[in-house]
PDB file of N, CA and C in Angstrom:
ATOM      1  N   MET A   1      -9.985   1.806 -21.982  1.00  0.00           N
ATOM      2  CA  MET A   1      -9.915   0.647 -20.960  1.00  0.00           C
ATOM      3  C   MET A   1     -11.627   0.711 -20.998  1.00  0.00           C
ATOM      4  N   TYR A   2     -12.071  -0.678 -20.210  1.00  0.00           N
ATOM      5  CA  TYR A   2     -13.582  -0.597 -20.270  1.00  0.00           C
ATOM      6  C   TYR A   2     -14.012  -0.810 -18.826  1.00  0.00           C
ATOM      7  N   ASP A   3     -15.527  -0.710 -18.483  1.00  0.00           N
ATOM      8  CA  ASP A   3     -15.817  -0.075 -17.182  1.00  0.00           C
ATOM      9  C   ASP A   3     -16.282  -1.858 -16.856  1.00  0.00           C
ATOM     10  N   LEU A   4     -16.361  -1.861 -15.948  1.00  0.00           N
ATOM     11  CA  LEU A   4     -16.733  -2.319 -14.891  1.00  0.00           C
ATOM     12  C   LEU A   4     -17.945  -2.373 -14.763  1.00  0.00           C
ATOM     13  N   VAL A   5     -19.021  -3.553 -14.897  1.00  0.00           N
ATOM     14  CA  VAL A   5     -20.204  -3.799 -14.861  1.00  0.00           C
ATOM     15  C   VAL A   5     -20.780  -4.925 -14.228  1.00  0.00           C
ATOM     16  N   GLU A   6     -19.861  -5.652 -13.836  1.00  0.00           N
ATOM     17  CA  GLU A   6     -20.377  -6.495 -12.836  1.00  0.00           C
ATOM     18  C   GLU A   6     -19.505  -6.846 -12.114  1.00  0.00           C
ATOM     19  N   ALA A   7     -19.702  -7.453 -10.743  1.00  0.00           N
ATOM     20  CA  ALA A   7     -18.751  -7.823  -9.811  1.00  0.00           C
ATOM     21  C   ALA A   7     -19.351  -8.640  -8.734  1.00  0.00           C
ATOM     22  N   LYS A   8     -19.157 -10.333  -8.529  1.00  0.00           N
ATOM     23  CA  LYS A   8     -19.723 -11.171  -7.601  1.00  0.00           C
ATOM     24  C   LYS A   8     -18.757 -11.728  -7.225  1.00  0.00           C
ATOM     25  N   TYR A   9     -19.400 -11.921  -5.767  1.00  0.00           N
ATOM     26  CA  TYR A   9     -18.394 -12.260  -4.277  1.00  0.00           C
ATOM     27  C   TYR A   9     -18.532 -14.317  -4.761  1.00  0.00           C
ATOM     28  N   ILE A  10     -16.952 -14.612  -4.515  1.00  0.00           N
ATOM     29  CA  ILE A  10     -17.017 -16.192  -4.661  1.00  0.00           C
ATOM     30  C   ILE A  10     -16.786 -16.463  -3.453  1.00  0.00           C
ATOM     31  N   ASP A  11     -15.712 -15.768  -2.691  1.00  0.00           N
ATOM     32  CA  ASP A  11     -15.567 -16.728  -1.747  1.00  0.00           C
ATOM     33  C   ASP A  11     -13.729 -16.067  -1.091  1.00  0.00           C
ATOM     34  N   GLY A  12     -13.740 -15.813   0.296  1.00  0.00           N
ATOM     35  CA  GLY A  12     -12.528 -15.115   0.524  1.00  0.00           C
ATOM     36  C   GLY A  12     -12.362 -13.942   0.055  1.00  0.00           C
ATOM     37  N   TYR A  13     -11.388 -13.781  -0.472  1.00  0.00           N
ATOM     38  CA  TYR A  13     -11.005 -12.221  -1.395  1.00  0.00           C
ATOM     39  C   TYR A  13     -11.298 -12.761  -2.837  1.00  0.00           C
ATOM     40  N   ILE A  14     -12.071 -13.517  -3.071  1.00  0.00           N
ATOM     41  CA  ILE A  14     -12.136 -13.819  -5.005  1.00  0.00           C
ATOM     42  C   ILE A  14     -13.250 -13.443  -5.072  1.00  0.00           C
ATOM     43  N   MET A  15     -13.271 -12.494  -6.229  1.00  0.00           N
ATOM     44  CA  MET A  15     -14.789 -11.887  -7.253  1.00  0.00           C
ATOM     45  C   MET A  15     -14.670 -12.377  -8.113  1.00  0.00           C
ATOM     46  N   GLU A  16     -15.471 -12.348  -8.873  1.00  0.00           N
ATOM     47  CA  GLU A  16     -15.945 -12.482 -10.316  1.00  0.00           C
ATOM     48  C   GLU A  16     -15.901 -11.002 -10.786  1.00  0.00           C
ATOM     49  N   LEU A  17     -15.262 -11.180 -11.875  1.00  0.00           N
ATOM     50  CA  LEU A  17     -15.587  -9.531 -12.406  1.00  0.00           C
ATOM     51  C   LEU A  17     -15.988  -9.530 -14.321  1.00  0.00           C
ATOM     52  N   ALA A  18     -17.047  -8.814 -14.528  1.00  0.00           N
ATOM     53  CA  ALA A  18     -17.137  -8.688 -15.491  1.00  0.00           C
ATOM     54  C   ALA A  18     -17.552  -7.422 -16.142  1.00  0.00           C
ATOM     55  N   PHE A  19     -16.830  -7.124 -17.690  1.00  0.00           N
ATOM     56  CA  PHE A  19     -16.589  -5.646 -18.059  1.00  0.00           C
ATOM     57  C   PHE A  19     -17.741  -5.296 -19.178  1.00  0.00           C
ATOM     58  N   GLU A  20     -17.992  -4.161 -19.754  1.00  0.00           N
ATOM     59  CA  GLU A  20     -18.304  -3.674 -20.627  1.00  0.00           C
ATOM     60  C   GLU A  20     -18.255  -4.751 -22.208  1.00  0.00           C
ATOM     61  N   ASN A  21     -17.022  -5.051 -22.444  1.00  0.00           N
ATOM     62  CA  ASN A  21     -16.782  -5.467 -23.366  1.00  0.00           C
ATOM     63  C   ASN A  21     -17.177  -7.483 -23.476  1.00  0.00           C
ATOM     64  N   GLY A  22     -17.123  -7.636 -22.056  1.00  0.00           N
ATOM     65  CA  GLY A  22     -17.668  -9.174 -22.115  1.00  0.00           C
ATOM     66  C   GLY A  22     -16.877  -9.917 -21.760  1.00  0.00           C
ATOM     67  N   ARG A  23     -15.268  -9.292 -21.125  1.00  0.00           N
ATOM     68  CA  ARG A  23     -14.482 -10.192 -21.137  1.00  0.00           C
ATOM     69  C   ARG A  23     -14.701 -10.338 -19.071  1.00  0.00           C
ATOM     70  N   LYS A  24     -14.749 -11.312 -18.395  1.00  0.00           N
ATOM     71  CA  LYS A  24     -14.566 -11.299 -17.482  1.00  0.00           C
ATOM     72  C   LYS A  24     -13.887 -12.390 -17.344  1.00  0.00           C
ATOM     73  N   GLY A  25     -13.314 -12.901 -15.540  1.00  0.00           N
ATOM     74  CA  GLY A  25     -12.626 -13.268 -14.991  1.00  0.00           C
ATOM     75  C   GLY A  25     -12.598 -13.013 -13.385  1.00  0.00           C
ATOM     76  N   THR A  26     -11.604 -13.746 -12.644  1.00  0.00           N
ATOM     77  CA  THR A  26     -11.727 -13.659 -11.398  1.00  0.00           C
ATOM     78  C   THR A  26     -10.460 -13.069 -10.981  1.00  0.00           C
ATOM     79  N   VAL A  27     -10.512 -12.800 -10.006  1.00  0.00           N
ATOM     80  CA  VAL A  27      -9.677 -11.587  -8.993  1.00  0.00           C
ATOM     81  C   VAL A  27      -9.678 -12.341  -8.026  1.00  0.00           C
ATOM     82  N   ASP A  28      -8.119 -12.148  -7.245  1.00  0.00           N
ATOM     83  CA  ASP A  28      -7.899 -12.391  -5.614  1.00  0.00           C
ATOM     84  C   ASP A  28      -7.892 -11.228  -5.480  1.00  0.00           C
ATOM     85  N   PHE A  29      -7.845 -10.447  -4.492  1.00  0.00           N
ATOM     86  CA  PHE A  29      -7.648  -8.935  -3.754  1.00  0.00           C
ATOM     87  C   PHE A  29      -6.921  -9.179  -2.569  1.00  0.00           C
ATOM     88  N   SER A  30      -6.401 -10.061  -1.871  1.00  0.00           N
ATOM     89  CA  SER A  30      -5.923 -10.907  -0.870  1.00  0.00           C
ATOM     90  C   SER A  30      -4.412 -10.120  -0.680  1.00  0.00           C
ATOM     91  N   SER A  31      -4.227 -10.053  -2.033  1.00  0.00           N
ATOM     92  CA  SER A  31      -2.655  -9.314  -1.977  1.00  0.00           C
ATOM     93  C   SER A  31      -2.781  -7.206  -1.209  1.00  0.00           C
ATOM     94  N   TYR A  32      -3.966  -7.468  -1.712  1.00  0.00           N
ATOM     95  CA  TYR A  32      -4.533  -5.520  -0.719  1.00  0.00           C
ATOM     96  C   TYR A  32      -4.438  -5.840   0.332  1.00  0.00           C
ATOM     97  N   ILE A  33      -4.777  -6.549   0.907  1.00  0.00           N
ATOM     98  CA  ILE A  33      -4.386  -6.513   2.454  1.00  0.00           C
ATOM     99  C   ILE A  33      -2.697  -6.032   3.252  1.00  0.00           C
ATOM    100  N   ASN A  34      -1.997  -6.698   2.746  1.00  0.00           N
ATOM    101  CA  ASN A  34      -0.542  -6.334   2.859  1.00  0.00           C
ATOM    102  C   ASN A  34      -0.139  -4.766   2.009  1.00  0.00           C
ATOM    103  N   LYS A  35      -1.288  -4.292   1.426  1.00  0.00           N
ATOM    104  CA  LYS A  35      -0.138  -2.871   0.612  1.00  0.00           C
ATOM    105  C   LYS A  35      -0.503  -1.646   1.413  1.00  0.00           C
ATOM    106  N   GLY A  36      -1.072  -2.208   2.652  1.00  0.00           N
ATOM    107  CA  GLY A  36      -1.103  -1.597   3.995  1.00  0.00           C
ATOM    108  C   GLY A  36      -2.021  -0.279   3.426  1.00  0.00           C
ATOM    109  N   GLY A  37      -2.056   1.141   4.541  1.00  0.00           N
ATOM    110  CA  GLY A  37      -2.897   2.102   3.762  1.00  0.00           C
ATOM    111  C   GLY A  37      -4.454   2.020   3.881  1.00  0.00           C
ATOM    112  N   VAL A  38      -4.903   2.617   3.041  1.00  0.00           N
ATOM    113  CA  VAL A  38      -6.646   1.971   2.941  1.00  0.00           C
ATOM    114  C   VAL A  38      -6.681   0.631   2.753  1.00  0.00           C
ATOM    115  N   PHE A  39      -6.058  -0.098   2.082  1.00  0.00           N
ATOM    116  CA  PHE A  39      -6.271  -1.100   1.747  1.00  0.00           C
ATOM    117  C   PHE A  39      -6.251  -2.227   2.783  1.00  0.00           C
ATOM    118  N   GLY A  40      -5.806  -1.420   3.993  1.00  0.00           N
ATOM    119  CA  GLY A  40      -5.818  -1.958   5.564  1.00  0.00           C
ATOM    120  C   GLY A  40      -7.306  -2.728   5.791  1.00  0.00           C
ATOM    121  N   ARG A  41      -7.670  -1.791   5.571  1.00  0.00           N
ATOM    122  CA  ARG A  41      -9.467  -2.220   5.639  1.00  0.00           C
ATOM    123  C   ARG A  41      -9.911  -3.786   5.013  1.00  0.00           C
ATOM    124  N   PHE A  42      -9.056  -3.996   4.209  1.00  0.00           N
ATOM    125  CA  PHE A  42      -9.719  -5.282   3.666  1.00  0.00           C
ATOM    126  C   PHE A  42      -9.734  -6.511   4.205  1.00  0.00           C
ATOM    127  N   SER A  43      -8.542  -6.227   5.613  1.00  0.00           N
ATOM    128  CA  SER A  43      -8.379  -7.596   6.424  1.00  0.00           C
ATOM    129  C   SER A  43      -9.724  -7.833   7.227  1.00  0.00           C
ATOM    130  N   ASP A  44     -10.891  -6.951   7.514  1.00  0.00           N
ATOM    131  CA  ASP A  44     -12.043  -7.457   7.765  1.00  0.00           C
ATOM    132  C   ASP A  44     -12.994  -7.460   6.495  1.00  0.00           C
ATOM    133  N   LEU A  45     -13.102  -9.155   6.439  1.00  0.00           N
ATOM    134  CA  LEU A  45     -13.749  -9.512   4.986  1.00  0.00           C
ATOM    135  C   LEU A  45     -15.023  -9.027   5.202  1.00  0.00           C
ATOM    136  N   SER A  46     -15.914  -8.960   6.518  1.00  0.00           N
ATOM    137  CA  SER A  46     -17.034  -8.187   6.571  1.00  0.00           C
ATOM    138  C   SER A  46     -17.212  -7.024   5.787  1.00  0.00           C
ATOM    139  N   TYR A  47     -16.148  -5.516   6.049  1.00  0.00           N
ATOM    140  CA  TYR A  47     -16.173  -4.944   4.843  1.00  0.00           C
ATOM    141  C   TYR A  47     -15.411  -5.454   3.905  1.00  0.00           C
ATOM    142  N   PHE A  48     -14.746  -5.939   3.354  1.00  0.00           N
ATOM    143  CA  PHE A  48     -14.350  -6.145   2.154  1.00  0.00           C
ATOM    144  C   PHE A  48     -15.852  -6.616   1.242  1.00  0.00           C
ATOM    145  N   LYS A  49     -16.778  -7.032   1.606  1.00  0.00           N
ATOM    146  CA  LYS A  49     -17.963  -7.736   1.047  1.00  0.00           C
ATOM    147  C   LYS A  49     -19.039  -6.978   1.028  1.00  0.00           C
ATOM    148  N   LYS A  50     -18.923  -5.332   1.471  1.00  0.00           N
ATOM    149  CA  LYS A  50     -19.904  -4.661   1.288  1.00  0.00           C
ATOM    150  C   LYS A  50     -19.279  -3.840  -0.262  1.00  0.00           C
ATOM    151  N   PHE A  51     -18.701  -4.242  -0.931  1.00  0.00           N
ATOM    152  CA  PHE A  51     -18.434  -3.668  -2.063  1.00  0.00           C
ATOM    153  C   PHE A  51     -19.520  -3.023  -2.865  1.00  0.00           C
ATOM    154  N   SER A  52     -19.625  -2.630  -3.917  1.00  0.00           N
ATOM    155  CA  SER A  52     -21.050  -2.053  -5.072  1.00  0.00           C
ATOM    156  C   SER A  52     -19.961  -1.669  -6.422  1.00  0.00           C
ATOM    157  N   ILE A  53     -20.698  -0.991  -7.426  1.00  0.00           N
ATOM    158  CA  ILE A  53     -19.984  -0.669  -8.727  1.00  0.00           C
ATOM    159  C   ILE A  53     -20.986   0.327  -8.678  1.00  0.00           C
ATOM    160  N   ASN A  54     -19.970   2.009  -9.029  1.00  0.00           N
ATOM    161  CA  ASN A  54     -20.569   2.679  -9.337  1.00  0.00           C
ATOM    162  C   ASN A  54     -20.244   2.662 -10.892  1.00  0.00           C
ATOM    163  N   LYS A  55     -21.446   2.449 -11.477  1.00  0.00           N
ATOM    164  CA  LYS A  55     -22.088   2.416 -12.543  1.00  0.00           C
ATOM    165  C   LYS A  55     -22.247   3.684 -13.830  1.00  0.00           C
ATOM    166  N   GLU A  56     -22.095   4.586 -12.985  1.00  0.00           N
ATOM    167  CA  GLU A  56     -21.363   5.626 -13.579  1.00  0.00           C
ATOM    168  C   GLU A  56     -20.338   5.798 -13.919  1.00  0.00           C
ATOM    169  N   LEU A  57     -19.265   5.553 -13.376  1.00  0.00           N
ATOM    170  CA  LEU A  57     -17.751   5.806 -13.481  1.00  0.00           C
ATOM    171  C   LEU A  57     -17.201   4.269 -13.935  1.00  0.00           C
ATOM    172  N   GLY A  58     -17.880   3.177 -13.515  1.00  0.00           N
ATOM    173  CA  GLY A  58     -17.546   1.770 -13.669  1.00  0.00           C
ATOM    174  C   GLY A  58     -16.562   1.406 -12.801  1.00  0.00           C
ATOM    175  N   VAL A  59     -16.554   1.847 -11.571  1.00  0.00           N
ATOM    176  CA  VAL A  59     -15.366   1.793 -10.637  1.00  0.00           C
ATOM    177  C   VAL A  59     -15.843   0.371  -9.611  1.00  0.00           C
ATOM    178  N   LEU A  60     -15.054  -0.157  -8.869  1.00  0.00           N
ATOM    179  CA  LEU A  60     -15.518  -1.019  -8.014  1.00  0.00           C
ATOM    180  C   LEU A  60     -15.010  -0.290  -6.629  1.00  0.00           C
ATOM    181  N   CYS A  61     -16.219   0.009  -5.964  1.00  0.00           N
ATOM    182  CA  CYS A  61     -16.214   0.880  -4.889  1.00  0.00           C
ATOM    183  C   CYS A  61     -16.939   0.339  -3.827  1.00  0.00           C
ATOM    184  N   TRP A  62     -16.109   0.842  -1.952  1.00  0.00           N
ATOM    185  CA  TRP A  62     -16.712   0.248  -0.688  1.00  0.00           C
ATOM    186  C   TRP A  62     -17.390   1.894   0.324  1.00  0.00           C
ATOM    187  N   PRO A  63     -17.755   1.215   0.680  1.00  0.00           N
ATOM    188  CA  PRO A  63     -19.273   2.621   0.955  1.00  0.00           C
ATOM    189  C   PRO A  63     -18.103   3.998   1.817  1.00  0.00           C
ATOM    190  N   ASP A  64     -16.411   3.941   2.385  1.00  0.00           N
ATOM    191  CA  ASP A  64     -16.108   4.881   2.762  1.00  0.00           C
ATOM    192  C   ASP A  64     -15.226   5.847   1.417  1.00  0.00           C
ATOM    193  N   GLY A  65     -15.790   5.161   0.480  1.00  0.00           N
ATOM    194  CA  GLY A  65     -15.011   6.118  -0.524  1.00  0.00           C
ATOM    195  C   GLY A  65     -13.874   5.288  -1.690  1.00  0.00           C
ATOM    196  N   LEU A  66     -13.580   4.222  -0.735  1.00  0.00           N
ATOM    197  CA  LEU A  66     -12.629   3.429  -1.578  1.00  0.00           C
ATOM    198  C   LEU A  66     -12.501   3.306  -2.735  1.00  0.00           C
ATOM    199  N   ASP A  67     -11.809   2.987  -3.590  1.00  0.00           N
ATOM    200  CA  ASP A  67     -12.534   2.629  -4.837  1.00  0.00           C
ATOM    201  C   ASP A  67     -11.436   1.792  -5.316  1.00  0.00           C
ATOM    202  N   ILE A  68     -11.245   1.435  -6.423  1.00  0.00           N
ATOM    203  CA  ILE A  68     -10.291   0.635  -7.462  1.00  0.00           C
ATOM    204  C   ILE A  68     -10.679   0.816  -9.039  1.00  0.00           C
ATOM    205  N   ALA A  69      -9.807   1.484  -9.335  1.00  0.00           N
ATOM    206  CA  ALA A  69      -9.714   1.964 -10.754  1.00  0.00           C
ATOM    207  C   ALA A  69     -10.177   0.914 -11.933  1.00  0.00           C
ATOM    208  N   PRO A  70     -10.908   1.043 -12.978  1.00  0.00           N
ATOM    209  CA  PRO A  70     -11.573  -0.292 -13.698  1.00  0.00           C
ATOM    210  C   PRO A  70     -10.188  -0.479 -14.680  1.00  0.00           C
ATOM    211  N   GLU A  71      -8.884   0.053 -14.929  1.00  0.00           N
ATOM    212  CA  GLU A  71      -7.846   0.180 -15.533  1.00  0.00           C
ATOM    213  C   GLU A  71      -7.430  -1.440 -14.907  1.00  0.00           C
ATOM    214  N   THR A  72      -7.341  -0.894 -13.819  1.00  0.00           N
ATOM    215  CA  THR A  72      -6.237  -1.928 -12.457  1.00  0.00           C
ATOM    216  C   THR A  72      -7.175  -3.454 -12.865  1.00  0.00           C
ATOM    217  N   LEU A  73      -8.732  -3.221 -12.400  1.00  0.00           N
ATOM    218  CA  LEU A  73      -9.253  -4.552 -12.463  1.00  0.00           C
ATOM    219  C   LEU A  73      -8.994  -5.083 -13.908  1.00  0.00           C
ATOM    220  N   TYR A  74      -9.338  -4.371 -14.653  1.00  0.00           N
ATOM    221  CA  TYR A  74      -9.192  -5.249 -16.174  1.00  0.00           C
ATOM    222  C   TYR A  74      -7.941  -6.116 -16.365  1.00  0.00           C
ATOM    223  N   HIS A  75      -6.712  -5.179 -16.026  1.00  0.00           N
ATOM    224  CA  HIS A  75      -5.483  -5.768 -16.045  1.00  0.00           C
ATOM    225  C   HIS A  75      -5.311  -6.830 -15.244  1.00  0.00           C
ATOM    226  N   LYS A  76      -6.098  -7.030 -14.179  1.00  0.00           N
ATOM    227  CA  LYS A  76      -5.730  -8.165 -12.764  1.00  0.00           C
ATOM    228  C   LYS A  76      -6.768  -9.489 -13.844  1.00  0.00           C
ATOM    229  N   THR A  77      -7.875  -8.961 -14.252  1.00  0.00           N
ATOM    230  CA  THR A  77      -9.147  -9.549 -14.607  1.00  0.00           C
ATOM    231  C   THR A  77      -8.533 -10.454 -15.689  1.00  0.00           C
ATOM    232  N   THR A  78      -7.248  -9.716 -16.771  1.00  0.00           N
ATOM    233  CA  THR A  78      -7.273 -10.060 -18.149  1.00  0.00           C
ATOM    234  C   THR A  78      -5.909 -10.639 -18.193  1.00  0.00           C
ATOM    235  N   GLY A  79      -5.280  -9.999 -17.359  1.00  0.00           N
ATOM    236  CA  GLY A  79      -3.681 -10.036 -18.054  1.00  0.00           C
ATOM    237  C   GLY A  79      -3.356  -9.256 -19.181  1.00  0.00           C
ATOM    238  N   GLU A  80      -4.133  -8.473 -19.790  1.00  0.00           N
ATOM    239  CA  GLU A  80      -3.333  -7.502 -21.065  1.00  0.00           C
ATOM    240  C   GLU A  80      -3.002  -6.040 -19.730  1.00  0.00           C
ATOM    241  N   PRO A  81      -1.922  -5.723 -20.771  1.00  0.00           N
ATOM    242  CA  PRO A  81      -0.831  -4.574 -20.167  1.00  0.00           C
ATOM    243  C   PRO A  81      -2.042  -3.512 -19.717  1.00  0.00           C
ATOM    244  N   LEU A  82      -1.502  -2.632 -18.212  1.00  0.00           N
ATOM    245  CA  LEU A  82      -2.003  -1.371 -17.986  1.00  0.00           C
ATOM    246  C   LEU A  82      -1.795  -0.230 -19.146  1.00  0.00           C
ATOM    247  N   PRO A  83      -2.803   0.827 -19.079  1.00  0.00           N
ATOM    248  CA  PRO A  83      -2.660   1.593 -20.219  1.00  0.00           C
ATOM    249  C   PRO A  83      -1.422   2.171 -20.251  1.00  0.00           C
ATOM    250  N   ALA A  84      -0.981   2.932 -20.950  1.00  0.00           N
ATOM    251  CA  ALA A  84       0.462   3.904 -21.175  1.00  0.00           C
ATOM    252  C   ALA A  84       0.494   4.694 -20.162  1.00  0.00           C
ATOM    253  N   TRP A  85      -0.488   5.163 -20.289  1.00  0.00           N
ATOM    254  CA  TRP A  85      -0.747   7.039 -18.992  1.00  0.00           C
ATOM    255  C   TRP A  85      -0.263   6.316 -17.462  1.00  0.00           C
ATOM    256  N   MET A  86      -0.549   4.838 -16.959  1.00  0.00           N
ATOM    257  CA  MET A  86      -0.256   4.879 -15.463  1.00  0.00           C
ATOM    258  C   MET A  86       0.943   5.133 -15.261  1.00  0.00           C
ATOM    259  N   THR A  87       1.279   5.222 -13.949  1.00  0.00           N
ATOM    260  CA  THR A  87       2.588   5.461 -13.793  1.00  0.00           C
ATOM    261  C   THR A  87       3.543   4.175 -13.206  1.00  0.00           C
ATOM    262  N   GLU A  88       4.838   4.028 -13.460  1.00  0.00           N
ATOM    263  CA  GLU A  88       5.580   3.226 -13.018  1.00  0.00           C
ATOM    264  C   GLU A  88       4.560   2.478 -11.402  1.00  0.00           C
ATOM    265  N   GLU A  89       4.654   3.343 -10.742  1.00  0.00           N
ATOM    266  CA  GLU A  89       4.162   3.928  -9.152  1.00  0.00           C
ATOM    267  C   GLU A  89       2.634   2.846  -9.386  1.00  0.00           C
ATOM    268  N   LYS A  90       1.712   2.905  -9.986  1.00  0.00           N
ATOM    269  CA  LYS A  90       0.407   2.417 -10.141  1.00  0.00           C
ATOM    270  C   LYS A  90       0.351   1.402 -10.422  1.00  0.00           C
ATOM    271  N   GLN A  91       1.426   1.130 -11.290  1.00  0.00           N
ATOM    272  CA  GLN A  91       1.829  -0.543 -12.200  1.00  0.00           C
ATOM    273  C   GLN A  91       2.291  -1.305 -10.929  1.00  0.00           C
ATOM    274  N   GLU A  92       3.201  -1.059 -10.033  1.00  0.00           N
ATOM    275  CA  GLU A  92       3.661  -1.797  -9.011  1.00  0.00           C
ATOM    276  C   GLU A  92       2.631  -2.102  -8.036  1.00  0.00           C
ATOM    277  N   LEU A  93       1.625  -1.127  -7.704  1.00  0.00           N
ATOM    278  CA  LEU A  93       0.904  -1.572  -7.226  1.00  0.00           C
ATOM    279  C   LEU A  93      -0.136  -2.703  -7.403  1.00  0.00           C
ATOM    280  N   VAL A  94      -0.440  -2.602  -8.491  1.00  0.00           N
ATOM    281  CA  VAL A  94      -1.282  -3.557  -9.462  1.00  0.00           C
ATOM    282  C   VAL A  94      -0.597  -4.959  -9.216  1.00  0.00           C
ATOM    283  N   LYS A  95       0.413  -4.983  -9.506  1.00  0.00           N
ATOM    284  CA  LYS A  95       1.407  -6.684  -9.362  1.00  0.00           C
ATOM    285  C   LYS A  95       1.305  -7.180  -7.454  1.00  0.00           C
ATOM    286  N   GLY A  96       1.197  -6.244  -7.033  1.00  0.00           N
ATOM    287  CA  GLY A  96       0.975  -6.917  -5.628  1.00  0.00           C
ATOM    288  C   GLY A  96      -0.118  -8.474  -5.543  1.00  0.00           C
TER     289      GLY A  96
END
């Protein structure tokens, strides 16, 4: 998989994401709100906008430690399949 290298806020819960291999696209994160748990924090749009990229890990993250793995983001951005090592449970989280 490829590390996330750029994330740009667009509007609402939409971001444009770019990866180290040059692929990029937009992702709507609004479905994460309904997942509950730690993602319930996204219901506060001001919290959602506080994202950053951990350049060392290529991960999209928020100030309190919440993050979304680059494999999941790459799948959501490009539509390419998730890596085989990801469990079905994790794949269900991505489909949301």
